[in-house]
Amino acid sequence: MIEYLSNYLIEYNQNFAVLNYLTLRTVAGTITALLISIFFGEFLINALSRFQFSQIIREDGPKTHLSKSGTPTMGGIIIIISLLVSNLLWSDLGNSFIWILLWVTLSFGIIGFSDDYLKIKYKNSKGLSGFQKLIFQSMAALFAIYIYIANHGNDIYFMLPFYKDLIFPISTIFFIFFSWFVIVGSSNAVNLTDGLDGLAILPVILIAGALGIVAYASGNTIISAYLYIPYIQDSGELIVFCGSVIGAGIGFLWFNSYPAQVFMGDVGSLTLGAILGCLAVMLRHEIVFAIMAGVFVLEALSVIIQVASYKTRRKRVFLMAPIHHHFELKGWPEPKIIVRFWIITLLLILFALASLKIR
């Protein structure tokens, strides 16, 4: 919106051209989302408490979590509102990449909201069934993929990190399936990770920042040629969206840091995971994203391994899954688990970003 306004104002004063600069709009979007989430957050937390939208604590979980009973949930609404407002203000609304992400934000937000609401209404931790959630997620993801193919059908290929020449053209069918797997898998992986105060949100912030760097490089002909990565027209605009994710995430972390005043809920975790997965697909850096999101991948794998082991051998591999609960039951303090997972994520991101140059 600001970009359209600046194009009008330029006719009267050329200095307004600064509002078109990608770097300025990224910083402005980050600050806007941060301020909205901080100032709106207090109001929303009070409203959630007043309506008794409280987190349902699993009875089979660590006993230390019982003290968190009554903490408001669905705090992800703060993030979604901050993201939407910031991007409607600062993003180029003529860019199809932005509209794909806005769709993903809204659709997965509605799915997460429905899941949280059912948990609160029936006072259990089930919400939507796994099958229902997968169907709705798949519908939302497939529509996003359809919009991408309709606008960027020529950019369908698979790329391996650390190699400048290993870029393979892939069929549309494979692209659809693989993209669906990345988006839905990322959504659920972040959802599984969101079990401790602040555990999921900072890795999301860090990964969004890293993907923003990839977006800026991919959308710049000079930088992309220097790094031997394919140039993707108009993808540089994605850094504005990534900036908004960072701002909204930091603002939410203000309230979600240990001990949390509000929980993200599925409305936040499902949405943020889908956004990261969608960014990776549009930037054609799915493998690099998987490296960055190693903590999320580990959390999801721990659940898969635990379930498979119990169904086939009637034995558990971990004391409890996802794996952060395993460390809790081994006696690790919650803040120590959170910070160590943050550190691991930072190291993985640095390693993944190194792949952009080491080819």
Protein backbone atom coordinates (compact mmCIF):
# COMPACT_ATOMS: atom_id res chain seq x y z
CA MET A 1 0.00 0.00 0.00
CA ILE A 2 2.81 2.42 0.92
CA GLU A 3 4.54 1.59 -2.37
CA TYR A 4 1.44 2.58 -4.37
CA LEU A 5 1.15 5.77 -2.34
CA SER A 6 4.81 6.61 -2.95
CA ASN A 7 4.36 6.20 -6.72
CA TYR A 8 1.62 8.82 -6.52
CA LEU A 9 3.64 11.17 -4.30
CA ILE A 10 6.73 10.93 -6.51
CA GLU A 11 4.89 13.04 -9.07
CA TYR A 12 5.03 15.92 -6.58
CA ASN A 13 8.39 15.26 -4.93
CA GLN A 14 11.09 12.80 -6.06
CA ASN A 15 12.25 12.29 -2.47
CA PHE A 16 9.27 10.01 -1.89
CA ALA A 17 11.04 7.43 -4.09
CA VAL A 18 12.81 6.28 -0.93
CA LEU A 19 9.57 4.55 0.08
CA ASN A 20 10.07 2.16 -2.83
CA TYR A 21 13.44 0.94 -1.57
CA LEU A 22 13.37 -2.71 -0.60
CA THR A 23 15.67 -2.27 2.40
CA LEU A 24 13.63 0.60 3.84
CA ARG A 25 10.35 -1.28 3.44
CA THR A 26 11.90 -4.36 5.09
CA VAL A 27 13.04 -2.38 8.12
CA ALA A 28 9.72 -0.51 8.28
CA GLY A 29 7.76 -3.76 8.01
CA THR A 30 9.81 -5.32 10.79
CA ILE A 31 9.30 -2.36 13.11
CA THR A 32 5.59 -2.11 12.27
CA ALA A 33 4.97 -5.79 13.04
CA LEU A 34 7.02 -5.53 16.23
CA LEU A 35 5.13 -2.51 17.56
CA ILE A 36 1.72 -3.97 16.67
CA SER A 37 2.49 -7.28 18.38
CA ILE A 38 3.81 -5.61 21.55
CA PHE A 39 1.05 -3.01 21.94
CA PHE A 40 -1.78 -5.29 20.77
CA GLY A 41 -0.41 -8.27 22.69
CA GLU A 42 -1.27 -6.99 26.15
CA PHE A 43 -4.85 -6.28 25.09
CA LEU A 44 -5.29 -9.70 23.49
CA ILE A 45 -3.79 -11.58 26.45
CA ASN A 46 -6.24 -9.83 28.79
CA ALA A 47 -9.12 -10.68 26.44
CA LEU A 48 -8.06 -14.34 26.21
CA SER A 49 -7.86 -14.52 30.01
CA ARG A 50 -11.27 -12.88 30.37
CA PHE A 51 -12.89 -15.41 28.02
CA GLN A 52 -10.97 -18.24 29.73
CA PHE A 53 -9.22 -19.34 26.54
CA SER A 54 -6.64 -21.28 28.56
CA GLN A 55 -4.14 -23.93 27.55
CA ILE A 56 -5.23 -27.54 28.15
CA ILE A 57 -2.29 -29.31 29.83
CA ARG A 58 -1.66 -32.97 28.96
CA GLU A 59 -2.09 -35.13 32.05
CA ASP A 60 0.54 -37.60 30.78
CA GLY A 61 3.13 -34.85 30.30
CA PRO A 62 5.84 -33.61 32.66
CA LYS A 63 4.33 -32.70 36.02
CA THR A 64 6.14 -29.36 35.98
CA HIS A 65 3.71 -28.28 33.24
CA LEU A 66 0.71 -28.54 35.56
CA SER A 67 1.64 -25.15 37.02
CA LYS A 68 1.04 -23.66 33.54
CA SER A 69 -2.64 -24.57 33.65
CA GLY A 70 -4.74 -21.46 33.13
CA THR A 71 -2.17 -19.68 30.96
CA PRO A 72 -3.98 -18.11 27.96
CA THR A 73 -3.46 -19.76 24.57
CA MET A 74 -4.15 -18.74 20.94
CA GLY A 75 -1.52 -16.01 21.25
CA GLY A 76 -0.59 -16.74 17.64
CA ILE A 77 -3.43 -14.37 16.74
CA ILE A 78 -1.03 -11.57 17.75
CA ILE A 79 1.47 -12.78 15.17
CA ILE A 80 -1.09 -13.19 12.39
CA ILE A 81 -2.60 -9.72 12.84
CA SER A 82 0.87 -8.15 12.98
CA LEU A 83 1.92 -9.98 9.82
CA LEU A 84 -1.18 -9.09 7.85
CA VAL A 85 -1.21 -5.40 8.77
CA SER A 86 2.52 -4.96 8.25
CA ASN A 87 2.52 -6.61 4.83
CA LEU A 88 -0.59 -4.83 3.63
CA LEU A 89 1.23 -1.60 4.47
CA TRP A 90 4.78 -2.27 3.27
CA SER A 91 4.77 -5.14 0.77
CA ASP A 92 4.32 -4.78 -2.98
CA LEU A 93 0.74 -6.02 -3.34
CA GLY A 94 1.31 -6.51 -7.05
CA ASN A 95 3.75 -9.32 -6.27
CA SER A 96 2.23 -12.82 -6.50
CA PHE A 97 4.70 -14.22 -3.95
CA ILE A 98 3.22 -11.93 -1.30
CA TRP A 99 -0.34 -13.02 -2.05
CA ILE A 100 0.65 -16.68 -1.80
CA LEU A 101 2.06 -16.03 1.67
CA LEU A 102 -0.98 -13.99 2.70
CA TRP A 103 -3.17 -16.92 1.66
CA VAL A 104 -1.04 -19.36 3.63
CA THR A 105 -1.14 -17.08 6.68
CA LEU A 106 -4.93 -16.78 6.61
CA SER A 107 -5.80 -20.37 5.69
CA PHE A 108 -3.45 -22.09 8.14
CA GLY A 109 -4.40 -19.51 10.76
CA ILE A 110 -8.06 -20.51 10.42
CA ILE A 111 -7.14 -24.21 10.68
CA GLY A 112 -5.08 -23.57 13.81
CA PHE A 113 -7.78 -21.37 15.32
CA SER A 114 -10.39 -24.11 14.78
CA ASP A 115 -8.12 -26.68 16.40
CA ASP A 116 -7.46 -24.47 19.43
CA TYR A 117 -11.11 -23.52 19.79
CA LEU A 118 -12.24 -27.18 19.86
CA LYS A 119 -9.64 -27.98 22.52
CA ILE A 120 -10.91 -25.12 24.68
CA LYS A 121 -14.59 -25.86 24.05
CA TYR A 122 -14.37 -29.55 24.95
CA LYS A 123 -11.59 -29.06 27.53
CA ASN A 124 -9.22 -31.69 26.12
CA SER A 125 -5.98 -31.67 24.11
CA LYS A 126 -7.39 -33.35 20.99
CA GLY A 127 -9.02 -30.61 18.89
CA LEU A 128 -9.29 -31.51 15.22
CA SER A 129 -8.48 -35.14 14.45
CA GLY A 130 -5.17 -35.81 12.74
CA PHE A 131 -7.00 -36.75 9.54
CA GLN A 132 -9.15 -33.61 9.55
CA LYS A 133 -6.12 -31.42 10.15
CA LEU A 134 -4.19 -33.09 7.33
CA ILE A 135 -7.07 -32.66 4.87
CA PHE A 136 -7.50 -28.96 5.63
CA GLN A 137 -3.75 -28.34 5.56
CA SER A 138 -3.46 -30.16 2.25
CA MET A 139 -6.25 -28.11 0.70
CA ALA A 140 -4.63 -24.85 1.80
CA ALA A 141 -1.15 -25.93 0.67
CA LEU A 142 -2.31 -27.24 -2.71
CA PHE A 143 -4.11 -23.98 -3.48
CA ALA A 144 -0.92 -22.04 -2.66
CA ILE A 145 1.05 -24.38 -4.94
CA TYR A 146 -1.53 -23.87 -7.70
CA ILE A 147 -1.12 -20.08 -7.47
CA TYR A 148 2.66 -20.49 -7.61
CA ILE A 149 2.54 -22.73 -10.72
CA ALA A 150 0.07 -20.38 -12.42
CA ASN A 151 2.45 -17.45 -11.98
CA HIS A 152 5.90 -19.07 -11.89
CA GLY A 153 5.53 -22.35 -13.74
CA ASN A 154 8.91 -21.94 -15.43
CA ASP A 155 10.78 -22.00 -12.10
CA ILE A 156 10.13 -25.68 -11.35
CA TYR A 157 13.41 -27.40 -10.57
CA PHE A 158 15.25 -29.13 -7.74
CA MET A 159 18.56 -27.82 -6.43
CA LEU A 160 21.15 -29.41 -4.15
CA PRO A 161 23.27 -27.27 -1.81
CA PHE A 162 27.08 -27.18 -2.03
CA TYR A 163 26.96 -27.88 -5.80
CA LYS A 164 26.62 -25.09 -8.36
CA ASP A 165 25.70 -27.37 -11.28
CA LEU A 166 23.31 -29.86 -9.65
CA ILE A 167 20.01 -28.24 -10.64
CA PHE A 168 17.47 -30.70 -12.00
CA PRO A 169 14.25 -29.93 -13.89
CA ILE A 170 11.38 -31.84 -12.29
CA SER A 171 7.88 -32.76 -13.41
CA THR A 172 4.90 -30.74 -12.28
CA ILE A 173 3.45 -33.78 -10.48
CA PHE A 174 6.63 -34.30 -8.46
CA PHE A 175 6.86 -30.59 -7.72
CA ILE A 176 3.29 -30.54 -6.38
CA PHE A 177 3.84 -33.58 -4.16
CA PHE A 178 7.24 -32.42 -2.89
CA SER A 179 6.01 -28.87 -2.22
CA TRP A 180 2.96 -30.22 -0.39
CA PHE A 181 5.23 -32.38 1.76
CA VAL A 182 7.50 -29.44 2.63
CA ILE A 183 4.67 -27.02 3.51
CA VAL A 184 2.48 -29.44 5.47
CA GLY A 185 5.48 -31.17 7.05
CA SER A 186 6.96 -27.85 8.18
CA SER A 187 3.61 -26.74 9.59
CA ASN A 188 3.27 -29.85 11.72
CA ALA A 189 6.94 -29.90 12.75
CA VAL A 190 6.76 -26.38 14.20
CA ASN A 191 3.49 -27.35 15.88
CA LEU A 192 5.18 -30.32 17.58
CA THR A 193 8.10 -28.15 18.67
CA ASP A 194 5.86 -25.58 20.35
CA GLY A 195 5.78 -27.31 23.72
CA LEU A 196 8.01 -25.11 25.90
CA ASP A 197 8.00 -21.38 26.55
CA GLY A 198 9.67 -19.66 23.59
CA LEU A 199 11.09 -22.91 22.20
CA ALA A 200 9.54 -22.59 18.73
CA ILE A 201 9.31 -18.84 18.17
CA LEU A 202 13.00 -17.88 18.22
CA PRO A 203 14.03 -20.60 15.72
CA VAL A 204 11.19 -19.34 13.51
CA ILE A 205 12.58 -15.80 13.78
CA LEU A 206 16.12 -16.92 12.97
CA ILE A 207 15.06 -19.08 10.02
CA ALA A 208 12.84 -16.31 8.64
CA GLY A 209 15.84 -13.98 8.75
CA ALA A 210 18.02 -16.52 6.94
CA LEU A 211 15.38 -17.16 4.27
CA GLY A 212 15.06 -13.40 3.88
CA ILE A 213 18.77 -13.29 3.02
CA VAL A 214 18.25 -16.08 0.47
CA ALA A 215 15.28 -14.20 -1.00
CA TYR A 216 17.28 -11.00 -1.38
CA ALA A 217 20.15 -12.88 -3.03
CA SER A 218 17.85 -14.84 -5.36
CA GLY A 219 16.06 -11.67 -6.46
CA ASN A 220 19.25 -9.79 -7.30
CA THR A 221 20.89 -10.62 -10.64
CA ILE A 222 24.40 -9.66 -9.49
CA ILE A 223 24.33 -11.46 -6.12
CA SER A 224 22.65 -14.59 -7.51
CA ALA A 225 25.25 -14.83 -10.28
CA TYR A 226 28.06 -14.37 -7.75
CA LEU A 227 26.68 -17.12 -5.50
CA TYR A 228 25.82 -19.45 -8.40
CA ILE A 229 22.17 -19.68 -7.39
CA PRO A 230 19.32 -19.28 -9.89
CA TYR A 231 17.88 -15.81 -10.27
CA ILE A 232 14.17 -15.73 -9.35
CA GLN A 233 12.44 -12.63 -10.63
CA ASP A 234 10.56 -10.62 -7.98
CA SER A 235 11.62 -12.96 -5.17
CA GLY A 236 13.52 -10.16 -3.45
CA GLU A 237 10.17 -8.82 -2.23
CA LEU A 238 9.96 -11.83 0.09
CA ILE A 239 12.51 -10.22 2.40
CA VAL A 240 9.81 -7.69 3.35
CA PHE A 241 7.53 -10.54 4.44
CA CYS A 242 10.41 -12.20 6.30
CA GLY A 243 11.07 -8.92 8.09
CA SER A 244 7.45 -8.84 9.23
CA VAL A 245 7.76 -12.41 10.55
CA ILE A 246 10.84 -11.36 12.51
CA GLY A 247 9.13 -8.28 13.97
CA ALA A 248 5.93 -10.13 14.85
CA GLY A 249 7.94 -13.00 16.34
CA ILE A 250 10.10 -10.77 18.52
CA GLY A 251 7.01 -8.94 19.75
CA PHE A 252 5.37 -12.26 20.61
CA LEU A 253 8.52 -13.50 22.34
CA TRP A 254 8.18 -10.49 24.67
CA PHE A 255 5.18 -12.29 26.18
CA ASN A 256 6.10 -15.90 25.40
CA SER A 257 9.57 -16.02 26.96
CA TYR A 258 9.94 -18.17 30.09
CA PRO A 259 7.73 -18.09 32.11
CA ALA A 260 5.17 -17.48 29.35
CA GLN A 261 2.29 -15.05 29.78
CA VAL A 262 0.60 -16.57 26.72
CA PHE A 263 1.04 -19.65 24.56
CA MET A 264 1.17 -19.54 20.78
CA GLY A 265 -1.38 -22.27 20.21
CA ASP A 266 -1.92 -24.10 16.94
CA VAL A 267 -3.18 -20.87 15.39
CA GLY A 268 0.40 -19.61 15.57
CA SER A 269 2.56 -22.71 15.21
CA LEU A 270 0.72 -24.26 12.25
CA THR A 271 0.74 -20.90 10.46
CA LEU A 272 4.40 -20.06 11.04
CA GLY A 273 5.52 -23.54 10.01
CA ALA A 274 3.54 -23.32 6.79
CA ILE A 275 4.96 -19.86 6.04
CA LEU A 276 8.54 -21.11 6.41
CA GLY A 277 7.84 -24.15 4.25
CA CYS A 278 6.18 -22.01 1.59
CA LEU A 279 9.13 -19.61 1.56
CA ALA A 280 11.52 -22.53 1.05
CA VAL A 281 9.44 -23.84 -1.86
CA MET A 282 9.18 -20.48 -3.61
CA LEU A 283 12.91 -19.87 -3.21
CA ARG A 284 13.73 -23.42 -4.39
CA HIS A 285 15.91 -24.00 -1.32
CA GLU A 286 14.02 -26.83 0.37
CA ILE A 287 17.15 -28.80 1.34
CA VAL A 288 18.84 -25.70 2.76
CA PHE A 289 15.65 -25.04 4.73
CA ALA A 290 15.67 -28.60 6.08
CA ILE A 291 19.19 -27.98 7.42
CA MET A 292 18.14 -24.68 9.02
CA ALA A 293 15.08 -26.32 10.55
CA GLY A 294 17.02 -29.26 11.97
CA VAL A 295 15.46 -28.80 15.41
CA PHE A 296 11.96 -28.93 13.92
CA VAL A 297 12.91 -32.00 11.87
CA LEU A 298 14.31 -33.71 14.97
CA GLU A 299 11.14 -32.99 16.95
CA ALA A 300 8.96 -34.47 14.20
CA LEU A 301 11.21 -37.50 13.73
CA SER A 302 11.19 -38.20 17.47
CA VAL A 303 7.38 -38.49 17.37
CA ILE A 304 7.45 -40.71 14.28
CA ILE A 305 10.12 -42.99 15.80
CA GLN A 306 8.29 -43.16 19.14
CA VAL A 307 4.95 -44.07 17.56
CA ALA A 308 6.50 -46.61 15.16
CA SER A 309 8.53 -48.25 17.91
CA TYR A 310 5.57 -48.55 20.25
CA LYS A 311 3.26 -49.96 17.57
CA THR A 312 5.77 -52.55 16.33
CA ARG A 313 7.68 -53.46 19.52
CA ARG A 314 5.51 -52.10 22.33
CA LYS A 315 8.61 -50.26 23.52
CA ARG A 316 9.41 -46.56 23.67
CA VAL A 317 12.68 -45.12 22.40
CA PHE A 318 12.29 -41.84 24.30
CA LEU A 319 10.91 -41.21 27.77
CA MET A 320 8.36 -39.01 26.01
CA ALA A 321 7.95 -37.47 22.59
CA PRO A 322 8.45 -34.86 21.16
CA ILE A 323 12.08 -35.02 22.19
CA HIS A 324 12.10 -31.82 24.29
CA HIS A 325 9.85 -33.65 26.77
CA HIS A 326 12.39 -36.50 26.85
CA PHE A 327 15.05 -34.09 28.11
CA GLU A 328 12.58 -32.63 30.63
CA LEU A 329 11.95 -36.08 32.10
CA LYS A 330 15.70 -36.66 32.26
CA GLY A 331 15.87 -33.68 34.61
CA TRP A 332 16.98 -30.84 32.34
CA PRO A 333 15.50 -27.49 33.44
CA GLU A 334 13.10 -26.03 30.89
CA PRO A 335 15.14 -22.83 30.25
CA LYS A 336 18.26 -24.92 29.55
CA ILE A 337 16.45 -27.03 26.94
CA ILE A 338 15.03 -23.92 25.29
CA VAL A 339 18.34 -22.04 25.04
CA ARG A 340 20.29 -25.09 23.86
CA PHE A 341 17.77 -25.72 21.08
CA TRP A 342 18.09 -22.04 20.13
CA ILE A 343 21.89 -22.38 19.94
CA ILE A 344 21.63 -25.52 17.80
CA THR A 345 19.28 -23.71 15.42
CA LEU A 346 21.69 -20.79 15.07
CA LEU A 347 24.58 -23.15 14.27
CA LEU A 348 22.50 -25.02 11.68
CA ILE A 349 21.48 -21.75 10.03
CA LEU A 350 25.09 -20.60 9.77
CA PHE A 351 26.02 -23.95 8.22
CA ALA A 352 23.10 -23.74 5.77
CA LEU A 353 23.96 -20.17 4.74
CA ALA A 354 27.53 -21.27 4.12
CA SER A 355 26.16 -23.55 1.40
CA LEU A 356 25.23 -20.45 -0.61
CA LYS A 357 28.93 -19.66 -1.11
CA ILE A 358 30.62 -23.07 -0.77
CA ARG A 359 29.73 -24.58 -4.14
